[in-house]
Amino acid sequence: MIRPERPDDADAIHELTVIAFDPMPFSDGTEAPIIRALRAAGELTVSLVEVEDGEVIGHVAFSPVTVGGADVGWYGLGPISVHPGRQRQGIGSRLVAAGLDELRERGARGCALIGNPAVYGPMGFVGDDGLTYRGLGEGLVQRVVLEGESVHGELRFADAFEAYEDEDQGKDAHE
């Protein structure tokens, strides 16, 4: 069953996110704290969980983004977490689809993410050379248009993401 997160889901979402990202070589461990920071800042626009037998086995978050410094009605997808024992069973895809439906109902114009095209392409996301993010390689910046046309410019995620990105860049510069 997919439903919006409830206040008493926060700890389960945090724990799920930690265990889901722990084995991932690309993870820096900031995913769970980012979700808490988004929630605290009121920027967790859509937060859905999949629950089975009373246990949260999947979670997806959507938060506002700006493009070229402007609020254009677009949102960022992520983090998305699925319990390691339940991955590759369609849970993530169902959560993303439900989240995009919720964004459409709210009048969102589009959604963007940074991720593997092989994973997100089947969910309707496509690479877009018109969207950039901190010089990332082609294809990693992806989007799905929900209404109207695509937007072009530098993508900026909610402050919770940016704070961790800036912190990580500072560490890299000093190591």
N, C-alpha and C. Protein backbone atom coordinates (compact mmCIF):
# COMPACT_ATOMS: atom_id res chain seq x y z
N MET A 1 0.84 -1.17 0.00
CA MET A 1 0.00 0.00 0.00
C MET A 1 0.89 1.25 0.00
N ILE A 2 0.65 2.14 -0.93
CA ILE A 2 1.37 3.42 -0.99
C ILE A 2 0.47 4.48 -0.37
N ARG A 3 1.08 5.29 0.50
CA ARG A 3 0.34 6.36 1.15
C ARG A 3 1.30 7.50 1.49
N PRO A 4 0.76 8.69 1.77
CA PRO A 4 1.61 9.79 2.23
C PRO A 4 2.24 9.42 3.58
N GLU A 5 3.45 9.93 3.80
CA GLU A 5 4.08 9.68 5.10
C GLU A 5 3.25 10.32 6.20
N ARG A 6 3.33 9.71 7.37
CA ARG A 6 2.69 10.24 8.58
C ARG A 6 3.81 10.67 9.53
N PRO A 7 3.49 11.53 10.50
CA PRO A 7 4.54 11.95 11.44
C PRO A 7 5.26 10.78 12.11
N ASP A 8 4.54 9.71 12.41
CA ASP A 8 5.19 8.58 13.09
C ASP A 8 6.01 7.71 12.15
N ASP A 9 6.08 8.05 10.86
CA ASP A 9 6.91 7.33 9.89
C ASP A 9 8.34 7.86 9.83
N ALA A 10 8.60 9.02 10.40
CA ALA A 10 9.89 9.70 10.21
C ALA A 10 11.09 8.82 10.58
N ASP A 11 11.03 8.16 11.72
CA ASP A 11 12.16 7.32 12.13
C ASP A 11 12.32 6.10 11.22
N ALA A 12 11.20 5.49 10.83
CA ALA A 12 11.27 4.34 9.93
C ALA A 12 11.84 4.74 8.57
N ILE A 13 11.46 5.91 8.08
CA ILE A 13 11.99 6.40 6.81
C ILE A 13 13.49 6.63 6.94
N HIS A 14 13.91 7.23 8.04
CA HIS A 14 15.33 7.48 8.26
C HIS A 14 16.12 6.16 8.25
N GLU A 15 15.65 5.20 9.03
CA GLU A 15 16.33 3.90 9.11
C GLU A 15 16.36 3.19 7.76
N LEU A 16 15.23 3.21 7.05
CA LEU A 16 15.17 2.59 5.73
C LEU A 16 16.18 3.24 4.79
N THR A 17 16.24 4.55 4.80
CA THR A 17 17.15 5.27 3.90
C THR A 17 18.60 4.93 4.21
N VAL A 18 18.94 4.84 5.48
CA VAL A 18 20.30 4.48 5.87
C VAL A 18 20.66 3.09 5.33
N ILE A 19 19.79 2.10 5.56
CA ILE A 19 20.15 0.73 5.13
C ILE A 19 20.08 0.56 3.62
N ALA A 20 19.20 1.31 2.97
CA ALA A 20 19.09 1.20 1.51
C ALA A 20 20.31 1.78 0.81
N PHE A 21 20.87 2.87 1.34
CA PHE A 21 22.00 3.53 0.68
C PHE A 21 23.36 3.03 1.17
N ASP A 22 23.39 2.37 2.33
CA ASP A 22 24.67 1.94 2.91
C ASP A 22 25.54 1.15 1.93
N PRO A 23 25.01 0.17 1.21
CA PRO A 23 25.89 -0.61 0.32
C PRO A 23 26.19 0.06 -1.03
N MET A 24 25.60 1.21 -1.29
CA MET A 24 25.74 1.85 -2.60
C MET A 24 27.08 2.61 -2.68
N PRO A 25 27.90 2.29 -3.69
CA PRO A 25 29.22 2.93 -3.78
C PRO A 25 29.15 4.44 -4.02
N PHE A 26 28.05 4.92 -4.59
CA PHE A 26 27.92 6.35 -4.88
C PHE A 26 27.41 7.14 -3.68
N SER A 27 26.98 6.47 -2.63
CA SER A 27 26.38 7.15 -1.48
C SER A 27 27.46 7.73 -0.56
N ASP A 28 27.18 8.94 -0.07
CA ASP A 28 28.07 9.56 0.90
C ASP A 28 27.43 9.59 2.29
N GLY A 29 26.29 8.90 2.45
CA GLY A 29 25.63 8.83 3.74
C GLY A 29 24.78 10.02 4.11
N THR A 30 24.60 10.96 3.19
CA THR A 30 23.83 12.17 3.51
C THR A 30 22.34 12.04 3.20
N GLU A 31 21.93 10.95 2.58
CA GLU A 31 20.54 10.84 2.10
C GLU A 31 19.52 10.94 3.24
N ALA A 32 19.71 10.18 4.31
CA ALA A 32 18.75 10.21 5.42
C ALA A 32 18.73 11.58 6.11
N PRO A 33 19.89 12.18 6.41
CA PRO A 33 19.84 13.53 6.99
C PRO A 33 19.20 14.57 6.06
N ILE A 34 19.36 14.40 4.76
CA ILE A 34 18.73 15.34 3.82
C ILE A 34 17.21 15.28 3.95
N ILE A 35 16.66 14.07 4.07
CA ILE A 35 15.20 13.94 4.21
C ILE A 35 14.74 14.63 5.49
N ARG A 36 15.46 14.42 6.58
CA ARG A 36 15.09 15.10 7.84
C ARG A 36 15.16 16.62 7.68
N ALA A 37 16.19 17.11 6.99
CA ALA A 37 16.35 18.56 6.79
C ALA A 37 15.24 19.11 5.89
N LEU A 38 14.88 18.37 4.86
CA LEU A 38 13.77 18.80 3.99
C LEU A 38 12.48 18.91 4.80
N ARG A 39 12.23 17.91 5.61
CA ARG A 39 11.01 17.88 6.44
C ARG A 39 11.02 19.07 7.40
N ALA A 40 12.14 19.30 8.07
CA ALA A 40 12.25 20.38 9.04
C ALA A 40 12.06 21.76 8.40
N ALA A 41 12.51 21.88 7.14
CA ALA A 41 12.41 23.17 6.44
C ALA A 41 11.06 23.36 5.75
N GLY A 42 10.19 22.35 5.81
CA GLY A 42 8.91 22.44 5.11
C GLY A 42 9.04 22.30 3.61
N GLU A 43 10.14 21.70 3.16
CA GLU A 43 10.39 21.55 1.71
C GLU A 43 10.16 20.13 1.21
N LEU A 44 9.64 19.26 2.05
CA LEU A 44 9.33 17.90 1.63
C LEU A 44 7.92 17.93 1.07
N THR A 45 7.82 18.32 -0.20
CA THR A 45 6.53 18.59 -0.83
C THR A 45 5.68 17.33 -0.93
N VAL A 46 6.28 16.26 -1.42
CA VAL A 46 5.59 14.97 -1.53
C VAL A 46 6.52 13.93 -0.90
N SER A 47 5.98 13.18 0.04
CA SER A 47 6.74 12.14 0.72
C SER A 47 5.81 10.93 0.86
N LEU A 48 6.10 9.91 0.08
CA LEU A 48 5.25 8.72 0.05
C LEU A 48 6.00 7.51 0.57
N VAL A 49 5.28 6.62 1.21
CA VAL A 49 5.85 5.37 1.67
C VAL A 49 5.06 4.21 1.10
N GLU A 50 5.74 3.09 0.91
CA GLU A 50 5.04 1.84 0.64
C GLU A 50 5.17 1.02 1.91
N VAL A 51 4.02 0.53 2.37
CA VAL A 51 3.95 -0.20 3.63
C VAL A 51 3.44 -1.61 3.34
N GLU A 52 4.09 -2.56 3.99
CA GLU A 52 3.67 -3.96 3.88
C GLU A 52 3.71 -4.57 5.28
N ASP A 53 2.61 -5.14 5.69
CA ASP A 53 2.51 -5.74 7.03
C ASP A 53 2.96 -4.76 8.11
N GLY A 54 2.58 -3.50 7.96
CA GLY A 54 2.89 -2.47 8.94
C GLY A 54 4.30 -1.93 8.90
N GLU A 55 5.13 -2.42 7.97
CA GLU A 55 6.53 -1.99 7.87
C GLU A 55 6.73 -1.12 6.64
N VAL A 56 7.46 -0.02 6.82
CA VAL A 56 7.81 0.85 5.69
C VAL A 56 8.92 0.15 4.91
N ILE A 57 8.60 -0.24 3.65
CA ILE A 57 9.60 -0.93 2.83
C ILE A 57 10.10 -0.08 1.67
N GLY A 58 9.48 1.09 1.47
CA GLY A 58 9.92 2.00 0.41
C GLY A 58 9.53 3.42 0.73
N HIS A 59 10.30 4.35 0.21
CA HIS A 59 10.03 5.78 0.43
C HIS A 59 10.54 6.57 -0.76
N VAL A 60 9.79 7.62 -1.12
CA VAL A 60 10.24 8.56 -2.14
C VAL A 60 9.93 9.97 -1.68
N ALA A 61 10.85 10.88 -1.99
CA ALA A 61 10.72 12.28 -1.62
C ALA A 61 10.79 13.17 -2.86
N PHE A 62 9.98 14.22 -2.86
CA PHE A 62 10.02 15.24 -3.90
C PHE A 62 10.06 16.59 -3.21
N SER A 63 10.92 17.48 -3.70
CA SER A 63 11.06 18.80 -3.10
C SER A 63 11.26 19.83 -4.22
N PRO A 64 11.00 21.11 -3.93
CA PRO A 64 11.09 22.14 -4.96
C PRO A 64 12.53 22.33 -5.47
N VAL A 65 12.63 22.66 -6.75
CA VAL A 65 13.90 23.05 -7.35
C VAL A 65 13.70 24.38 -8.06
N THR A 66 14.81 25.06 -8.30
CA THR A 66 14.77 26.23 -9.17
C THR A 66 15.59 25.91 -10.40
N VAL A 67 15.28 26.60 -11.48
CA VAL A 67 16.02 26.45 -12.72
C VAL A 67 16.43 27.84 -13.17
N GLY A 68 17.74 28.02 -13.32
CA GLY A 68 18.24 29.34 -13.69
C GLY A 68 17.91 30.38 -12.64
N GLY A 69 17.80 29.96 -11.38
CA GLY A 69 17.52 30.88 -10.29
C GLY A 69 16.06 31.23 -10.12
N ALA A 70 15.17 30.62 -10.91
CA ALA A 70 13.75 30.97 -10.84
C ALA A 70 12.91 29.76 -10.41
N ASP A 71 11.85 30.06 -9.68
CA ASP A 71 10.86 29.04 -9.34
C ASP A 71 9.98 28.87 -10.57
N VAL A 72 10.08 27.70 -11.19
CA VAL A 72 9.34 27.46 -12.43
C VAL A 72 8.32 26.33 -12.29
N GLY A 73 7.99 25.99 -11.04
CA GLY A 73 7.00 24.95 -10.80
C GLY A 73 7.53 23.54 -11.00
N TRP A 74 8.85 23.38 -10.86
CA TRP A 74 9.48 22.07 -11.01
C TRP A 74 9.91 21.55 -9.64
N TYR A 75 10.06 20.23 -9.58
CA TYR A 75 10.44 19.55 -8.35
C TYR A 75 11.57 18.58 -8.63
N GLY A 76 12.31 18.27 -7.57
CA GLY A 76 13.37 17.28 -7.65
C GLY A 76 12.91 15.98 -7.02
N LEU A 77 13.30 14.88 -7.63
CA LEU A 77 13.00 13.56 -7.09
C LEU A 77 14.20 13.09 -6.30
N GLY A 78 13.94 12.62 -5.09
CA GLY A 78 14.99 11.99 -4.32
C GLY A 78 15.12 12.59 -2.94
N PRO A 79 15.69 11.82 -2.09
CA PRO A 79 16.12 10.43 -2.24
C PRO A 79 14.93 9.47 -2.37
N ILE A 80 15.23 8.33 -2.96
CA ILE A 80 14.27 7.23 -3.04
C ILE A 80 14.95 6.00 -2.44
N SER A 81 14.23 5.32 -1.57
CA SER A 81 14.80 4.19 -0.84
C SER A 81 13.86 3.00 -0.87
N VAL A 82 14.43 1.82 -1.07
CA VAL A 82 13.68 0.57 -0.99
C VAL A 82 14.50 -0.39 -0.14
N HIS A 83 13.83 -1.08 0.76
CA HIS A 83 14.51 -2.03 1.62
C HIS A 83 15.37 -2.97 0.77
N PRO A 84 16.63 -3.20 1.17
CA PRO A 84 17.52 -4.03 0.35
C PRO A 84 16.95 -5.39 -0.03
N GLY A 85 16.19 -6.01 0.84
CA GLY A 85 15.60 -7.31 0.52
C GLY A 85 14.42 -7.25 -0.42
N ARG A 86 13.98 -6.03 -0.76
CA ARG A 86 12.82 -5.85 -1.62
C ARG A 86 13.14 -5.09 -2.91
N GLN A 87 14.40 -4.83 -3.15
CA GLN A 87 14.77 -4.09 -4.37
C GLN A 87 14.55 -4.94 -5.61
N ARG A 88 14.39 -4.26 -6.73
CA ARG A 88 14.18 -4.87 -8.04
C ARG A 88 12.86 -5.65 -8.13
N GLN A 89 11.87 -5.16 -7.37
CA GLN A 89 10.54 -5.77 -7.39
C GLN A 89 9.48 -4.76 -7.81
N GLY A 90 9.90 -3.59 -8.30
CA GLY A 90 8.95 -2.59 -8.79
C GLY A 90 8.48 -1.59 -7.76
N ILE A 91 8.94 -1.70 -6.53
CA ILE A 91 8.49 -0.80 -5.47
C ILE A 91 8.91 0.64 -5.77
N GLY A 92 10.16 0.84 -6.14
CA GLY A 92 10.64 2.18 -6.46
C GLY A 92 9.87 2.80 -7.62
N SER A 93 9.64 2.02 -8.66
CA SER A 93 8.89 2.51 -9.82
C SER A 93 7.47 2.91 -9.44
N ARG A 94 6.83 2.10 -8.60
CA ARG A 94 5.47 2.43 -8.15
C ARG A 94 5.46 3.72 -7.33
N LEU A 95 6.45 3.88 -6.46
CA LEU A 95 6.53 5.09 -5.65
C LEU A 95 6.76 6.32 -6.51
N VAL A 96 7.65 6.22 -7.49
CA VAL A 96 7.90 7.35 -8.39
C VAL A 96 6.64 7.71 -9.16
N ALA A 97 5.96 6.70 -9.72
CA ALA A 97 4.74 6.96 -10.48
C ALA A 97 3.68 7.63 -9.61
N ALA A 98 3.51 7.15 -8.39
CA ALA A 98 2.53 7.75 -7.48
C ALA A 98 2.92 9.19 -7.14
N GLY A 99 4.22 9.42 -6.94
CA GLY A 99 4.69 10.77 -6.64
C GLY A 99 4.49 11.73 -7.80
N LEU A 100 4.77 11.26 -9.01
CA LEU A 100 4.55 12.11 -10.19
C LEU A 100 3.07 12.42 -10.36
N ASP A 101 2.20 11.45 -10.09
CA ASP A 101 0.76 11.70 -10.14
C ASP A 101 0.36 12.78 -9.13
N GLU A 102 0.93 12.69 -7.93
CA GLU A 102 0.64 13.69 -6.90
C GLU A 102 1.13 15.08 -7.33
N LEU A 103 2.31 15.13 -7.93
CA LEU A 103 2.82 16.42 -8.41
C LEU A 103 1.90 16.99 -9.50
N ARG A 104 1.44 16.14 -10.42
CA ARG A 104 0.51 16.61 -11.46
C ARG A 104 -0.74 17.22 -10.83
N GLU A 105 -1.29 16.52 -9.82
CA GLU A 105 -2.49 17.01 -9.15
C GLU A 105 -2.25 18.35 -8.49
N ARG A 106 -1.02 18.61 -8.08
CA ARG A 106 -0.66 19.88 -7.44
C ARG A 106 -0.32 20.97 -8.47
N GLY A 107 -0.36 20.63 -9.76
CA GLY A 107 -0.08 21.61 -10.80
C GLY A 107 1.39 21.78 -11.13
N ALA A 108 2.22 20.83 -10.73
CA ALA A 108 3.64 20.91 -11.05
C ALA A 108 3.85 20.84 -12.55
N ARG A 109 4.89 21.50 -13.02
CA ARG A 109 5.19 21.54 -14.45
C ARG A 109 6.22 20.48 -14.86
N GLY A 110 7.05 20.04 -13.91
CA GLY A 110 8.06 19.04 -14.25
C GLY A 110 8.80 18.55 -13.03
N CYS A 111 9.64 17.54 -13.28
CA CYS A 111 10.42 16.94 -12.22
C CYS A 111 11.80 16.59 -12.78
N ALA A 112 12.82 16.83 -11.98
CA ALA A 112 14.20 16.56 -12.40
C ALA A 112 14.90 15.73 -11.34
N LEU A 113 15.98 15.07 -11.77
CA LEU A 113 16.78 14.28 -10.85
C LEU A 113 18.18 14.13 -11.40
N ILE A 114 19.06 13.68 -10.52
CA ILE A 114 20.40 13.31 -10.91
C ILE A 114 20.48 11.81 -10.69
N GLY A 115 20.73 11.04 -11.73
CA GLY A 115 20.75 9.60 -11.55
C GLY A 115 21.08 8.84 -12.81
N ASN A 116 21.08 7.54 -12.68
CA ASN A 116 21.43 6.62 -13.74
C ASN A 116 20.31 6.54 -14.78
N PRO A 117 20.58 6.87 -16.03
CA PRO A 117 19.55 6.81 -17.07
C PRO A 117 18.95 5.41 -17.23
N ALA A 118 19.72 4.37 -17.00
CA ALA A 118 19.20 3.01 -17.13
C ALA A 118 18.14 2.72 -16.08
N VAL A 119 18.25 3.36 -14.93
CA VAL A 119 17.27 3.16 -13.86
C VAL A 119 16.04 4.03 -14.08
N TYR A 120 16.25 5.30 -14.40
CA TYR A 120 15.13 6.24 -14.45
C TYR A 120 14.50 6.38 -15.82
N GLY A 121 15.18 5.97 -16.87
CA GLY A 121 14.60 6.01 -18.22
C GLY A 121 13.29 5.24 -18.32
N PRO A 122 13.22 4.01 -17.81
CA PRO A 122 11.95 3.28 -17.88
C PRO A 122 10.81 3.94 -17.11
N MET A 123 11.13 4.87 -16.22
CA MET A 123 10.11 5.59 -15.46
C MET A 123 9.67 6.86 -16.19
N GLY A 124 10.21 7.09 -17.39
CA GLY A 124 9.81 8.25 -18.18
C GLY A 124 10.77 9.42 -18.15
N PHE A 125 11.87 9.31 -17.42
CA PHE A 125 12.84 10.40 -17.35
C PHE A 125 13.80 10.32 -18.54
N VAL A 126 14.19 11.48 -19.05
CA VAL A 126 15.13 11.54 -20.16
C VAL A 126 16.22 12.56 -19.84
N GLY A 127 17.40 12.31 -20.40
CA GLY A 127 18.49 13.27 -20.27
C GLY A 127 18.12 14.54 -21.00
N ASP A 128 18.61 15.65 -20.50
CA ASP A 128 18.26 16.93 -21.09
C ASP A 128 19.47 17.85 -21.03
N ASP A 129 20.09 18.10 -22.18
CA ASP A 129 21.26 18.97 -22.24
C ASP A 129 20.93 20.40 -21.80
N GLY A 130 19.65 20.76 -21.82
CA GLY A 130 19.25 22.11 -21.42
C GLY A 130 19.25 22.31 -19.92
N LEU A 131 19.23 21.22 -19.16
CA LEU A 131 19.31 21.31 -17.71
C LEU A 131 20.72 20.92 -17.29
N THR A 132 21.33 21.73 -16.45
CA THR A 132 22.68 21.43 -15.99
C THR A 132 22.70 21.42 -14.46
N TYR A 133 23.71 20.74 -13.93
CA TYR A 133 23.88 20.73 -12.48
C TYR A 133 25.35 20.54 -12.17
N ARG A 134 25.99 21.61 -11.74
CA ARG A 134 27.38 21.57 -11.28
C ARG A 134 28.31 20.80 -12.20
N GLY A 135 28.10 20.94 -13.49
CA GLY A 135 29.01 20.36 -14.47
C GLY A 135 28.94 18.85 -14.60
N LEU A 136 27.86 18.24 -14.14
CA LEU A 136 27.75 16.78 -14.24
C LEU A 136 27.70 16.33 -15.70
N GLY A 137 28.16 15.11 -15.92
CA GLY A 137 28.22 14.55 -17.26
C GLY A 137 26.86 14.39 -17.91
N GLU A 138 26.90 14.32 -19.21
CA GLU A 138 25.70 14.20 -20.02
C GLU A 138 24.89 12.98 -19.62
N GLY A 139 23.59 13.16 -19.54
CA GLY A 139 22.69 12.06 -19.25
C GLY A 139 22.36 11.88 -17.78
N LEU A 140 23.19 12.39 -16.88
CA LEU A 140 22.91 12.22 -15.45
C LEU A 140 21.82 13.17 -14.96
N VAL A 141 21.71 14.34 -15.59
CA VAL A 141 20.65 15.28 -15.26
C VAL A 141 19.46 14.89 -16.14
N GLN A 142 18.39 14.45 -15.49
CA GLN A 142 17.23 13.94 -16.23
C GLN A 142 15.97 14.67 -15.79
N ARG A 143 14.98 14.59 -16.65
CA ARG A 143 13.73 15.29 -16.34
C ARG A 143 12.55 14.57 -16.98
N VAL A 144 11.38 14.88 -16.42
CA VAL A 144 10.12 14.50 -17.04
C VAL A 144 9.24 15.75 -17.00
N VAL A 145 8.66 16.10 -18.13
CA VAL A 145 7.78 17.26 -18.23
C VAL A 145 6.37 16.79 -17.87
N LEU A 146 5.75 17.48 -16.94
CA LEU A 146 4.39 17.14 -16.53
C LEU A 146 3.36 18.02 -17.19
N GLU A 147 3.76 19.25 -17.50
CA GLU A 147 2.85 20.20 -18.16
C GLU A 147 3.68 21.25 -18.89
N GLY A 148 3.29 21.58 -20.10
CA GLY A 148 4.00 22.60 -20.86
C GLY A 148 5.26 22.05 -21.50
N GLU A 149 6.29 22.87 -21.53
CA GLU A 149 7.55 22.50 -22.17
C GLU A 149 8.65 22.36 -21.14
N SER A 150 9.76 21.79 -21.58
CA SER A 150 10.92 21.66 -20.70
C SER A 150 11.49 23.04 -20.40
N VAL A 151 12.26 23.10 -19.35
CA VAL A 151 12.93 24.35 -18.97
C VAL A 151 14.42 24.16 -19.18
N HIS A 152 15.14 25.27 -19.26
CA HIS A 152 16.58 25.21 -19.49
C HIS A 152 17.29 26.11 -18.50
N GLY A 153 18.43 25.64 -18.02
CA GLY A 153 19.23 26.42 -17.09
C GLY A 153 19.85 25.53 -16.04
N GLU A 154 20.51 26.17 -15.08
CA GLU A 154 21.18 25.46 -14.00
C GLU A 154 20.14 25.05 -12.95
N LEU A 155 20.13 23.77 -12.64
CA LEU A 155 19.22 23.20 -11.67
C LEU A 155 19.78 23.43 -10.26
N ARG A 156 18.92 23.83 -9.34
CA ARG A 156 19.33 23.98 -7.94
C ARG A 156 18.28 23.30 -7.09
N PHE A 157 18.73 22.33 -6.31
CA PHE A 157 17.84 21.59 -5.43
C PHE A 157 17.58 22.39 -4.16
N ALA A 158 16.65 21.91 -3.34
CA ALA A 158 16.31 22.55 -2.07
C ALA A 158 17.56 22.74 -1.23
N ASP A 159 17.51 23.70 -0.34
CA ASP A 159 18.67 24.05 0.48
C ASP A 159 19.26 22.86 1.23
N ALA A 160 18.43 21.90 1.64
CA ALA A 160 18.95 20.73 2.36
C ALA A 160 19.98 19.98 1.52
N PHE A 161 19.72 19.84 0.23
CA PHE A 161 20.67 19.18 -0.67
C PHE A 161 21.91 20.04 -0.85
N GLU A 162 21.69 21.31 -1.10
CA GLU A 162 22.79 22.22 -1.39
C GLU A 162 23.74 22.33 -0.21
N ALA A 163 23.21 22.32 1.02
CA ALA A 163 24.08 22.41 2.19
C ALA A 163 25.03 21.23 2.24
N TYR A 164 24.52 20.03 1.95
CA TYR A 164 25.38 18.84 1.97
C TYR A 164 26.34 18.84 0.78
N GLU A 165 25.88 19.30 -0.38
CA GLU A 165 26.76 19.38 -1.55
C GLU A 165 27.90 20.36 -1.29
N ASP A 166 27.57 21.52 -0.73
CA ASP A 166 28.61 22.51 -0.44
C ASP A 166 29.60 21.98 0.59
N GLU A 167 29.08 21.27 1.59
CA GLU A 167 29.93 20.68 2.62
C GLU A 167 30.87 19.65 2.00
N ASP A 168 30.33 18.80 1.10
CA ASP A 168 31.16 17.79 0.44
C ASP A 168 32.22 18.43 -0.43
N GLN A 169 31.87 19.49 -1.14
CA GLN A 169 32.85 20.15 -2.01
C GLN A 169 33.94 20.78 -1.17
N GLY A 170 33.57 21.32 0.00
CA GLY A 170 34.58 21.90 0.88
C GLY A 170 35.55 20.84 1.38
N LYS A 171 35.02 19.66 1.70
CA LYS A 171 35.90 18.56 2.14
C LYS A 171 36.86 18.18 1.03
N ASP A 172 36.33 18.05 -0.20
CA ASP A 172 37.19 17.66 -1.33
C ASP A 172 38.30 18.68 -1.54
N ALA A 173 37.97 19.95 -1.38
CA ALA A 173 38.96 20.99 -1.63
C ALA A 173 40.06 20.99 -0.57
N HIS A 174 39.75 20.47 0.62
CA HIS A 174 40.72 20.50 1.70
C HIS A 174 41.42 19.17 1.95
N GLU A 175 41.08 18.14 1.22
CA GLU A 175 41.72 16.83 1.42
C GLU A 175 42.98 16.69 0.61
